[in-house]
Amino acid sequence: MRVVSVNVGRVADAEWAGAPGRTAIDKSPVTGPTHVGEYGLQGDEQGDTASHGGLDQAVYAYAREDYEWWERELGRDLRDGRFGENLTTEGPDLTGALLGERWRAGGALIEVTAPRVPCVTFRNWMDEPGWVKRFTAAGRVGAYFRVLAEGEVQAGDPIEIVHRPEEGVTIAEAFRAYHGDKDLLRRVLDVPGRSDKWDRVAQRVLGAA
């Protein structure tokens, strides 16, 4: 299991990005060690800080294996960083990762917090018909992490799963919980140390329950 690529991006104005009209989704691979701090990778930015970034979404990872699946589906090459991820990985099962699972990636210790939910900016950036529906249906959404211990990471670094809860909720299940599965959402709410974002999801999904 390893880090294939470390990717960062700077904010740029983009009319197609929707509100607030700025985005840093265009992330590119960097060479050499990059510092991973509590709010993310050195040199990386977010255009919509209300929806992206923060302590519980400091790092976004996407699997090279899932890129290869999409390349077959879309009939086009997809470079590392194309989906706006900070870490392109090889080996770990991101879809099956558990909330609260901890990885050692290079010198940084990171913890799974949530699935990626596709947005208007991602839809327009990909420029594929029905992209949000297709990405959602495929369920290959990648995972967000919080940073438990800062460190350096670079392409080629090993990834080690140092803690996996005995019972928990996978990224795939958490994604379904976000989209309205009430039973799964109640399980998410029982996860120790879960992200605060799930309280807002609960208000939306369970508010009328």
Protein backbone atom coordinates (compact mmCIF):
# COMPACT_ATOMS: atom_id res chain seq x y z
CA MET A 1 0.00 0.00 0.00
CA ARG A 2 1.47 3.32 -0.99
CA VAL A 3 0.99 6.96 -1.89
CA VAL A 4 1.07 7.20 -5.68
CA SER A 5 0.89 10.99 -5.85
CA VAL A 6 0.69 14.04 -3.57
CA ASN A 7 -1.45 16.79 -5.11
CA VAL A 8 -2.09 20.43 -4.25
CA GLY A 9 -3.89 23.32 -5.91
CA ARG A 10 -4.25 27.07 -5.60
CA VAL A 11 -7.52 28.98 -5.71
CA ALA A 12 -8.44 30.42 -9.10
CA ASP A 13 -11.45 32.39 -10.29
CA ALA A 14 -13.86 30.24 -12.29
CA GLU A 15 -17.32 31.31 -13.42
CA TRP A 16 -18.31 27.66 -13.93
CA ALA A 17 -17.56 26.82 -10.29
CA GLY A 18 -20.82 28.24 -8.97
CA ALA A 19 -20.87 30.21 -5.72
CA PRO A 20 -18.46 31.66 -4.71
CA GLY A 21 -17.00 31.53 -8.23
CA ARG A 22 -13.57 30.35 -7.05
CA THR A 23 -12.10 26.87 -6.82
CA ALA A 24 -8.90 24.94 -6.16
CA ILE A 25 -10.18 21.64 -7.55
CA ASP A 26 -7.43 21.64 -10.18
CA LYS A 27 -4.78 19.86 -8.10
CA SER A 28 -1.47 18.71 -9.56
CA PRO A 29 1.22 16.32 -8.38
CA VAL A 30 4.20 17.77 -6.52
CA THR A 31 7.66 16.32 -6.11
CA GLY A 32 9.51 15.87 -2.86
CA PRO A 33 8.19 15.92 0.71
CA THR A 34 5.07 17.98 1.52
CA HIS A 35 4.11 18.91 5.05
CA VAL A 36 0.72 17.67 6.23
CA GLY A 37 -0.64 20.04 8.89
CA GLU A 38 -3.85 19.96 10.87
CA TYR A 39 -5.67 21.92 8.15
CA GLY A 40 -4.17 20.04 5.22
CA LEU A 41 -1.19 19.99 2.89
CA GLN A 42 1.27 22.83 2.59
CA GLY A 43 0.63 24.74 -0.63
CA ASP A 44 -2.97 23.53 -0.95
CA GLU A 45 -6.03 25.79 -0.85
CA GLN A 46 -9.85 25.63 -0.96
CA GLY A 47 -12.02 28.06 -2.88
CA ASP A 48 -15.24 27.38 -0.95
CA THR A 49 -14.13 27.16 2.67
CA ALA A 50 -17.73 26.86 3.87
CA SER A 51 -18.02 23.45 2.18
CA HIS A 52 -14.43 22.24 1.89
CA GLY A 53 -11.42 21.97 4.13
CA GLY A 54 -11.38 22.39 7.90
CA LEU A 55 -10.08 20.03 10.55
CA ASP A 56 -12.35 17.12 9.59
CA GLN A 57 -11.76 17.46 5.84
CA ALA A 58 -8.07 18.32 5.95
CA VAL A 59 -6.99 15.62 3.49
CA TYR A 60 -8.92 13.98 0.65
CA ALA A 61 -7.73 10.66 -0.78
CA TYR A 62 -8.78 8.85 -3.93
CA ALA A 63 -7.67 5.41 -5.10
CA ARG A 64 -5.78 4.83 -8.32
CA GLU A 65 -7.79 1.60 -8.70
CA ASP A 66 -11.00 3.63 -8.79
CA TYR A 67 -9.49 5.99 -11.36
CA GLU A 68 -8.77 2.99 -13.55
CA TRP A 69 -12.41 1.89 -13.22
CA TRP A 70 -13.56 5.35 -14.27
CA GLU A 71 -11.13 5.42 -17.19
CA ARG A 72 -12.83 2.33 -18.57
CA GLU A 73 -16.28 3.83 -17.96
CA LEU A 74 -15.49 7.23 -19.48
CA GLY A 75 -13.06 6.16 -22.19
CA ARG A 76 -10.51 8.79 -21.20
CA ASP A 77 -7.33 9.04 -19.17
CA LEU A 78 -7.59 10.53 -15.68
CA ARG A 79 -4.41 11.91 -14.19
CA ASP A 80 -3.62 11.86 -10.49
CA GLY A 81 -5.31 14.84 -8.83
CA ARG A 82 -8.05 15.12 -11.46
CA PHE A 83 -10.78 14.56 -8.85
CA GLY A 84 -9.25 17.19 -6.58
CA GLU A 85 -7.69 14.71 -4.16
CA ASN A 86 -4.59 15.43 -2.09
CA LEU A 87 -3.41 11.82 -1.95
CA THR A 88 -3.75 9.37 -4.81
CA THR A 89 -3.40 5.93 -3.25
CA GLU A 90 -2.72 2.37 -4.33
CA GLY A 91 -3.68 -0.64 -2.26
CA PRO A 92 -6.02 0.46 0.55
CA ASP A 93 -9.75 -0.09 0.05
CA LEU A 94 -11.06 3.44 0.43
CA THR A 95 -14.69 2.47 -0.15
CA GLY A 96 -14.44 -0.13 2.58
CA ALA A 97 -12.47 2.06 5.00
CA LEU A 98 -14.19 2.60 8.34
CA LEU A 99 -14.97 5.93 9.94
CA GLY A 100 -12.32 6.23 12.63
CA GLU A 101 -9.80 4.09 10.74
CA ARG A 102 -6.27 5.47 11.09
CA TRP A 103 -3.54 5.47 8.49
CA ARG A 104 0.14 6.23 8.65
CA ALA A 105 0.89 7.89 5.30
CA GLY A 106 4.57 8.74 5.16
CA GLY A 107 5.20 10.61 8.40
CA ALA A 108 1.60 11.76 8.97
CA LEU A 109 -1.11 10.02 10.98
CA ILE A 110 -4.59 10.58 9.52
CA GLU A 111 -8.09 9.36 10.42
CA VAL A 112 -11.08 8.64 8.17
CA THR A 113 -13.97 11.04 8.80
CA ALA A 114 -16.38 11.11 5.83
CA PRO A 115 -17.07 10.25 2.19
CA ARG A 116 -16.74 12.84 -0.56
CA VAL A 117 -20.11 14.20 -1.73
CA PRO A 118 -20.06 15.48 -5.33
CA CYS A 119 -20.91 19.15 -5.85
CA VAL A 120 -21.68 21.55 -8.70
CA THR A 121 -18.02 22.52 -9.04
CA PHE A 122 -17.00 18.88 -9.43
CA ARG A 123 -19.78 18.33 -11.98
CA ASN A 124 -18.73 21.29 -14.11
CA TRP A 125 -15.03 20.51 -13.76
CA MET A 126 -15.51 16.98 -15.10
CA ASP A 127 -17.79 18.09 -17.96
CA GLU A 128 -19.41 14.65 -18.23
CA PRO A 129 -23.17 14.19 -18.85
CA GLY A 130 -25.02 13.33 -15.64
CA TRP A 131 -21.77 13.32 -13.70
CA VAL A 132 -23.16 13.78 -10.18
CA LYS A 133 -25.67 10.96 -10.65
CA ARG A 134 -23.06 8.68 -12.17
CA PHE A 135 -20.47 9.37 -9.47
CA THR A 136 -23.10 8.85 -6.78
CA ALA A 137 -24.39 5.61 -8.30
CA ALA A 138 -20.87 4.18 -8.65
CA GLY A 139 -20.14 4.79 -4.96
CA ARG A 140 -16.40 5.15 -5.59
CA VAL A 141 -16.22 8.44 -3.75
CA GLY A 142 -12.93 8.44 -1.85
CA ALA A 143 -12.51 9.55 1.73
CA TYR A 144 -11.79 12.62 3.84
CA PHE A 145 -9.37 12.50 6.76
CA ARG A 146 -8.49 14.57 9.80
CA VAL A 147 -4.83 14.89 10.76
CA LEU A 148 -3.94 13.37 14.14
CA ALA A 149 -0.18 13.87 13.86
CA GLU A 150 1.53 16.20 11.42
CA GLY A 151 4.32 14.96 9.21
CA GLU A 152 5.82 14.84 5.73
CA VAL A 153 4.45 12.81 2.84
CA GLN A 154 5.66 12.24 -0.70
CA ALA A 155 4.95 10.01 -3.66
CA GLY A 156 6.10 6.46 -3.03
CA ASP A 157 5.66 6.61 0.74
CA PRO A 158 4.10 3.52 2.32
CA ILE A 159 0.59 3.56 3.76
CA GLU A 160 -0.03 1.52 6.88
CA ILE A 161 -3.43 0.98 8.49
CA VAL A 162 -2.49 1.32 12.15
CA HIS A 163 -5.99 1.15 13.63
CA ARG A 164 -9.29 -0.22 12.35
CA PRO A 165 -12.35 -0.18 14.65
CA GLU A 166 -13.69 -3.64 15.49
CA GLU A 167 -17.14 -2.49 14.43
CA GLY A 168 -17.98 0.57 12.43
CA VAL A 169 -19.40 2.23 9.37
CA THR A 170 -17.67 2.03 6.00
CA ILE A 171 -17.27 4.94 3.63
CA ALA A 172 -19.83 3.27 1.33
CA GLU A 173 -22.32 3.01 4.19
CA ALA A 174 -21.64 6.57 5.35
CA PHE A 175 -22.30 7.79 1.81
CA ARG A 176 -25.69 6.04 1.84
CA ALA A 177 -26.38 7.53 5.27
CA TYR A 178 -25.74 11.00 3.88
CA HIS A 179 -28.26 10.32 1.13
CA GLY A 180 -31.03 9.35 3.52
CA ASP A 181 -30.51 5.86 4.96
CA LYS A 182 -31.75 6.55 8.50
CA ASP A 183 -30.60 3.28 10.04
CA LEU A 184 -27.07 3.76 8.74
CA LEU A 185 -27.06 7.38 9.87
CA ARG A 186 -27.95 6.33 13.42
CA ARG A 187 -24.93 4.01 13.30
CA VAL A 188 -22.76 6.89 12.13
CA LEU A 189 -23.94 8.98 15.09
CA ASP A 190 -22.64 6.25 17.41
CA VAL A 191 -19.11 6.41 15.99
CA PRO A 192 -16.70 7.77 18.65
CA GLY A 193 -15.07 11.03 17.61
CA ARG A 194 -17.23 11.39 14.51
CA SER A 195 -17.12 14.61 12.52
CA ASP A 196 -19.50 17.40 13.55
CA LYS A 197 -20.80 17.46 9.96
CA TRP A 198 -22.88 14.40 10.81
CA ASP A 199 -24.96 16.46 13.24
CA ARG A 200 -26.03 18.66 10.34
CA VAL A 201 -26.74 15.61 8.19
CA ALA A 202 -28.85 14.19 11.04
CA GLN A 203 -30.93 17.35 11.23
CA ARG A 204 -31.69 16.98 7.53
CA VAL A 205 -32.26 13.22 7.40
CA LEU A 206 -33.73 12.50 10.83
CA GLY A 207 -35.41 15.82 11.50
CA ALA A 208 -38.85 14.51 10.52
CA ALA A 209 -38.25 11.04 11.97
